[in-house]
């Protein structure tokens, strides 16, 4: 199963990496949405649908 941490932007991704520097070596993907603009909700829905679809294919 794919493990993903969804963050708003590059600064948030850097923050997560600073808190848990080994997060990527544990095969956890950090996915950036690209900021809090107008399309943020749309991008979040797209990211969650992608994760949901991956989970369904795994089982």
PDB file of N, CA and C in Angstrom:
ATOM      1  N   UNK A   1       0.841  -1.174   0.000  1.00  0.00           N
ATOM      2  CA  UNK A   1       0.000   0.000   0.000  1.00  0.00           C
ATOM      3  C   UNK A   1       0.890   1.242   0.000  1.00  0.00           C
ATOM      4  N   UNK A   2       0.508   2.204  -0.785  1.00  0.00           N
ATOM      5  CA  UNK A   2       1.243   3.465  -0.903  1.00  0.00           C
ATOM      6  C   UNK A   2       1.013   4.314   0.345  1.00  0.00           C
ATOM      7  N   UNK A   3       2.089   4.854   0.879  1.00  0.00           N
ATOM      8  CA  UNK A   3       2.003   5.724   2.050  1.00  0.00           C
ATOM      9  C   UNK A   3       2.306   7.146   1.614  1.00  0.00           C
ATOM     10  N   UNK A   4       1.396   8.066   1.907  1.00  0.00           N
ATOM     11  CA  UNK A   4       1.519   9.429   1.415  1.00  0.00           C
ATOM     12  C   UNK A   4       1.231  10.424   2.530  1.00  0.00           C
ATOM     13  N   UNK A   5       2.037  11.468   2.595  1.00  0.00           N
ATOM     14  CA  UNK A   5       1.759  12.629   3.434  1.00  0.00           C
ATOM     15  C   UNK A   5       1.454  13.764   2.470  1.00  0.00           C
ATOM     16  N   UNK A   6       0.255  14.322   2.559  1.00  0.00           N
ATOM     17  CA  UNK A   6      -0.145  15.410   1.670  1.00  0.00           C
ATOM     18  C   UNK A   6       0.102  16.732   2.389  1.00  0.00           C
ATOM     19  N   UNK A   7       0.861  17.617   1.740  1.00  0.00           N
ATOM     20  CA  UNK A   7       1.152  18.929   2.308  1.00  0.00           C
ATOM     21  C   UNK A   7       0.736  20.013   1.319  1.00  0.00           C
ATOM     22  N   UNK A   8       0.614  21.226   1.813  1.00  0.00           N
ATOM     23  CA  UNK A   8       0.133  22.335   0.982  1.00  0.00           C
ATOM     24  C   UNK A   8       1.154  22.780  -0.057  1.00  0.00           C
ATOM     25  N   UNK A   9       2.409  22.933   0.334  1.00  0.00           N
ATOM     26  CA  UNK A   9       3.402  23.446  -0.600  1.00  0.00           C
ATOM     27  C   UNK A   9       4.809  23.010  -0.249  1.00  0.00           C
ATOM     28  N   UNK A  10       5.786  23.619  -0.921  1.00  0.00           N
ATOM     29  CA  UNK A  10       7.191  23.250  -0.745  1.00  0.00           C
ATOM     30  C   UNK A  10       7.695  23.505   0.670  1.00  0.00           C
ATOM     31  N   UNK A  11       7.268  24.606   1.269  1.00  0.00           N
ATOM     32  CA  UNK A  11       7.712  24.923   2.628  1.00  0.00           C
ATOM     33  C   UNK A  11       7.219  23.876   3.620  1.00  0.00           C
ATOM     34  N   UNK A  12       5.991  23.425   3.429  1.00  0.00           N
ATOM     35  CA  UNK A  12       5.440  22.392   4.311  1.00  0.00           C
ATOM     36  C   UNK A  12       6.166  21.062   4.116  1.00  0.00           C
ATOM     37  N   UNK A  13       6.514  20.749   2.883  1.00  0.00           N
ATOM     38  CA  UNK A  13       7.265  19.526   2.606  1.00  0.00           C
ATOM     39  C   UNK A  13       8.626  19.585   3.289  1.00  0.00           C
ATOM     40  N   UNK A  14       9.281  20.731   3.224  1.00  0.00           N
ATOM     41  CA  UNK A  14      10.579  20.896   3.889  1.00  0.00           C
ATOM     42  C   UNK A  14      10.437  20.759   5.397  1.00  0.00           C
ATOM     43  N   UNK A  15       9.342  21.277   5.960  1.00  0.00           N
ATOM     44  CA  UNK A  15       9.088  21.175   7.393  1.00  0.00           C
ATOM     45  C   UNK A  15       8.927  19.714   7.815  1.00  0.00           C
ATOM     46  N   UNK A  16       8.163  18.956   7.051  1.00  0.00           N
ATOM     47  CA  UNK A  16       7.970  17.540   7.366  1.00  0.00           C
ATOM     48  C   UNK A  16       9.292  16.793   7.276  1.00  0.00           C
ATOM     49  N   UNK A  17      10.078  17.097   6.244  1.00  0.00           N
ATOM     50  CA  UNK A  17      11.381  16.442   6.098  1.00  0.00           C
ATOM     51  C   UNK A  17      12.318  16.792   7.249  1.00  0.00           C
ATOM     52  N   UNK A  18      12.215  18.029   7.770  1.00  0.00           N
ATOM     53  CA  UNK A  18      13.052  18.427   8.901  1.00  0.00           C
ATOM     54  C   UNK A  18      12.621  17.713  10.177  1.00  0.00           C
ATOM     55  N   UNK A  19      11.317  17.510  10.347  1.00  0.00           N
ATOM     56  CA  UNK A  19      10.814  16.816  11.536  1.00  0.00           C
ATOM     57  C   UNK A  19      11.134  15.330  11.508  1.00  0.00           C
ATOM     58  N   UNK A  20      11.038  14.754  10.333  1.00  0.00           N
ATOM     59  CA  UNK A  20      11.275  13.313  10.185  1.00  0.00           C
ATOM     60  C   UNK A  20      12.188  13.096   8.988  1.00  0.00           C
ATOM     61  N   UNK A  21      13.491  13.292   9.167  1.00  0.00           N
ATOM     62  CA  UNK A  21      14.413  13.227   8.029  1.00  0.00           C
ATOM     63  C   UNK A  21      14.449  11.874   7.321  1.00  0.00           C
ATOM     64  N   UNK A  22      14.028  10.825   7.984  1.00  0.00           N
ATOM     65  CA  UNK A  22      14.060   9.504   7.344  1.00  0.00           C
ATOM     66  C   UNK A  22      12.720   9.125   6.718  1.00  0.00           C
ATOM     67  N   UNK A  23      11.798  10.096   6.592  1.00  0.00           N
ATOM     68  CA  UNK A  23      10.468   9.787   6.081  1.00  0.00           C
ATOM     69  C   UNK A  23      10.525   9.203   4.669  1.00  0.00           C
ATOM     70  N   UNK A  24      11.369   9.711   3.809  1.00  0.00           N
ATOM     71  CA  UNK A  24      11.451   9.207   2.435  1.00  0.00           C
ATOM     72  C   UNK A  24      12.162   7.855   2.359  1.00  0.00           C
ATOM     73  N   UNK A  25      13.069   7.586   3.293  1.00  0.00           N
ATOM     74  CA  UNK A  25      13.734   6.286   3.285  1.00  0.00           C
ATOM     75  C   UNK A  25      12.797   5.194   3.784  1.00  0.00           C
ATOM     76  N   UNK A  26      11.714   5.585   4.423  1.00  0.00           N
ATOM     77  CA  UNK A  26      10.704   4.615   4.878  1.00  0.00           C
ATOM     78  C   UNK A  26       9.626   4.409   3.813  1.00  0.00           C
ATOM     79  N   UNK A  27       9.930   4.838   2.596  1.00  0.00           N
ATOM     80  CA  UNK A  27       9.031   4.695   1.459  1.00  0.00           C
ATOM     81  C   UNK A  27       7.692   5.398   1.687  1.00  0.00           C
ATOM     82  N   UNK A  28       7.768   6.581   2.264  1.00  0.00           N
ATOM     83  CA  UNK A  28       6.600   7.427   2.449  1.00  0.00           C
ATOM     84  C   UNK A  28       6.761   8.613   1.510  1.00  0.00           C
ATOM     85  N   UNK A  29       5.793   8.795   0.657  1.00  0.00           N
ATOM     86  CA  UNK A  29       5.841   9.864  -0.338  1.00  0.00           C
ATOM     87  C   UNK A  29       5.270  11.155   0.253  1.00  0.00           C
ATOM     88  N   UNK A  30       5.942  12.258   0.014  1.00  0.00           N
ATOM     89  CA  UNK A  30       5.420  13.569   0.404  1.00  0.00           C
ATOM     90  C   UNK A  30       4.880  14.212  -0.862  1.00  0.00           C
ATOM     91  N   UNK A  31       3.582  14.446  -0.879  1.00  0.00           N
ATOM     92  CA  UNK A  31       2.928  14.999  -2.065  1.00  0.00           C
ATOM     93  C   UNK A  31       2.508  16.439  -1.797  1.00  0.00           C
ATOM     94  N   UNK A  32       2.994  17.347  -2.630  1.00  0.00           N
ATOM     95  CA  UNK A  32       2.677  18.774  -2.494  1.00  0.00           C
ATOM     96  C   UNK A  32       1.471  19.128  -3.356  1.00  0.00           C
ATOM     97  N   UNK A  33       0.565  19.919  -2.799  1.00  0.00           N
ATOM     98  CA  UNK A  33      -0.620  20.338  -3.541  1.00  0.00           C
ATOM     99  C   UNK A  33      -0.366  21.559  -4.403  1.00  0.00           C
ATOM    100  N   UNK A  34       0.652  22.327  -4.079  1.00  0.00           N
ATOM    101  CA  UNK A  34       0.973  23.488  -4.903  1.00  0.00           C
ATOM    102  C   UNK A  34       0.486  24.806  -4.343  1.00  0.00           C
ATOM    103  N   UNK A  35       0.180  24.865  -3.081  1.00  0.00           N
ATOM    104  CA  UNK A  35      -0.223  26.123  -2.462  1.00  0.00           C
ATOM    105  C   UNK A  35      -1.708  26.178  -2.148  1.00  0.00           C
ATOM    106  N   UNK A  36      -2.113  27.313  -1.591  1.00  0.00           N
ATOM    107  CA  UNK A  36      -3.488  27.466  -1.117  1.00  0.00           C
ATOM    108  C   UNK A  36      -4.315  28.348  -2.045  1.00  0.00           C
ATOM    109  N   UNK A  37      -4.078  28.243  -3.324  1.00  0.00           N
ATOM    110  CA  UNK A  37      -4.827  29.060  -4.280  1.00  0.00           C
ATOM    111  C   UNK A  37      -6.231  28.534  -4.509  1.00  0.00           C
ATOM    112  N   UNK A  38      -6.847  29.050  -5.570  1.00  0.00           N
ATOM    113  CA  UNK A  38      -8.223  28.659  -5.884  1.00  0.00           C
ATOM    114  C   UNK A  38      -8.375  27.162  -6.120  1.00  0.00           C
ATOM    115  N   UNK A  39      -7.378  26.543  -6.700  1.00  0.00           N
ATOM    116  CA  UNK A  39      -7.485  25.134  -7.051  1.00  0.00           C
ATOM    117  C   UNK A  39      -7.081  24.177  -5.949  1.00  0.00           C
ATOM    118  N   UNK A  40      -6.849  24.676  -4.738  1.00  0.00           N
ATOM    119  CA  UNK A  40      -6.351  23.827  -3.658  1.00  0.00           C
ATOM    120  C   UNK A  40      -7.328  22.707  -3.311  1.00  0.00           C
ATOM    121  N   UNK A  41      -8.596  23.013  -3.224  1.00  0.00           N
ATOM    122  CA  UNK A  41      -9.589  21.989  -2.882  1.00  0.00           C
ATOM    123  C   UNK A  41      -9.671  20.950  -3.991  1.00  0.00           C
ATOM    124  N   UNK A  42      -9.633  21.420  -5.222  1.00  0.00           N
ATOM    125  CA  UNK A  42      -9.672  20.514  -6.370  1.00  0.00           C
ATOM    126  C   UNK A  42      -8.452  19.594  -6.370  1.00  0.00           C
ATOM    127  N   UNK A  43      -7.274  20.156  -6.099  1.00  0.00           N
ATOM    128  CA  UNK A  43      -6.047  19.360  -6.059  1.00  0.00           C
ATOM    129  C   UNK A  43      -6.078  18.359  -4.909  1.00  0.00           C
ATOM    130  N   UNK A  44      -6.630  18.761  -3.762  1.00  0.00           N
ATOM    131  CA  UNK A  44      -6.737  17.849  -2.623  1.00  0.00           C
ATOM    132  C   UNK A  44      -7.658  16.686  -2.970  1.00  0.00           C
ATOM    133  N   UNK A  45      -8.792  16.975  -3.571  1.00  0.00           N
ATOM    134  CA  UNK A  45      -9.714  15.907  -3.973  1.00  0.00           C
ATOM    135  C   UNK A  45      -9.050  14.956  -4.949  1.00  0.00           C
ATOM    136  N   UNK A  46      -8.287  15.513  -5.900  1.00  0.00           N
ATOM    137  CA  UNK A  46      -7.593  14.688  -6.882  1.00  0.00           C
ATOM    138  C   UNK A  46      -6.556  13.785  -6.208  1.00  0.00           C
ATOM    139  N   UNK A  47      -5.806  14.350  -5.255  1.00  0.00           N
ATOM    140  CA  UNK A  47      -4.790  13.571  -4.543  1.00  0.00           C
ATOM    141  C   UNK A  47      -5.433  12.463  -3.714  1.00  0.00           C
ATOM    142  N   UNK A  48      -6.529  12.774  -3.023  1.00  0.00           N
ATOM    143  CA  UNK A  48      -7.209  11.772  -2.216  1.00  0.00           C
ATOM    144  C   UNK A  48      -7.828  10.679  -3.077  1.00  0.00           C
ATOM    145  N   UNK A  49      -8.394  11.049  -4.224  1.00  0.00           N
ATOM    146  CA  UNK A  49      -8.945  10.048  -5.141  1.00  0.00           C
ATOM    147  C   UNK A  49      -7.858   9.117  -5.651  1.00  0.00           C
ATOM    148  N   UNK A  50      -6.695   9.672  -5.941  1.00  0.00           N
ATOM    149  CA  UNK A  50      -5.571   8.868  -6.410  1.00  0.00           C
ATOM    150  C   UNK A  50      -5.149   7.849  -5.354  1.00  0.00           C
ATOM    151  N   UNK A  51      -5.066   8.299  -4.103  1.00  0.00           N
ATOM    152  CA  UNK A  51      -4.690   7.403  -3.008  1.00  0.00           C
ATOM    153  C   UNK A  51      -5.763   6.337  -2.808  1.00  0.00           C
ATOM    154  N   UNK A  52      -7.016   6.744  -2.883  1.00  0.00           N
ATOM    155  CA  UNK A  52      -8.132   5.806  -2.730  1.00  0.00           C
ATOM    156  C   UNK A  52      -8.079   4.734  -3.829  1.00  0.00           C
ATOM    157  N   UNK A  53      -7.853   5.153  -5.067  1.00  0.00           N
ATOM    158  CA  UNK A  53      -7.783   4.219  -6.184  1.00  0.00           C
ATOM    159  C   UNK A  53      -6.617   3.246  -6.009  1.00  0.00           C
ATOM    160  N   UNK A  54      -5.479   3.735  -5.560  1.00  0.00           N
ATOM    161  CA  UNK A  54      -4.331   2.870  -5.311  1.00  0.00           C
ATOM    162  C   UNK A  54      -4.650   1.836  -4.231  1.00  0.00           C
ATOM    163  N   UNK A  55      -5.351   2.276  -3.183  1.00  0.00           N
ATOM    164  CA  UNK A  55      -5.714   1.374  -2.093  1.00  0.00           C
ATOM    165  C   UNK A  55      -6.671   0.287  -2.582  1.00  0.00           C
ATOM    166  N   UNK A  56      -7.609   0.661  -3.433  1.00  0.00           N
ATOM    167  CA  UNK A  56      -8.564  -0.318  -3.963  1.00  0.00           C
ATOM    168  C   UNK A  56      -7.874  -1.354  -4.849  1.00  0.00           C
ATOM    169  N   UNK A  57      -6.868  -0.930  -5.592  1.00  0.00           N
ATOM    170  CA  UNK A  57      -6.143  -1.838  -6.458  1.00  0.00           C
ATOM    171  C   UNK A  57      -5.252  -2.799  -5.666  1.00  0.00           C
ATOM    172  N   UNK A  58      -4.830  -2.368  -4.470  1.00  0.00           N
ATOM    173  CA  UNK A  58      -3.948  -3.169  -3.638  1.00  0.00           C
ATOM    174  C   UNK A  58      -4.684  -4.367  -3.064  1.00  0.00           C
ATOM    175  N   UNK A  59      -5.938  -4.196  -2.743  1.00  0.00           N
ATOM    176  CA  UNK A  59      -6.703  -5.273  -2.103  1.00  0.00           C
ATOM    177  C   UNK A  59      -7.391  -6.077  -3.099  1.00  0.00           C
TER     178      UNK A  59
END
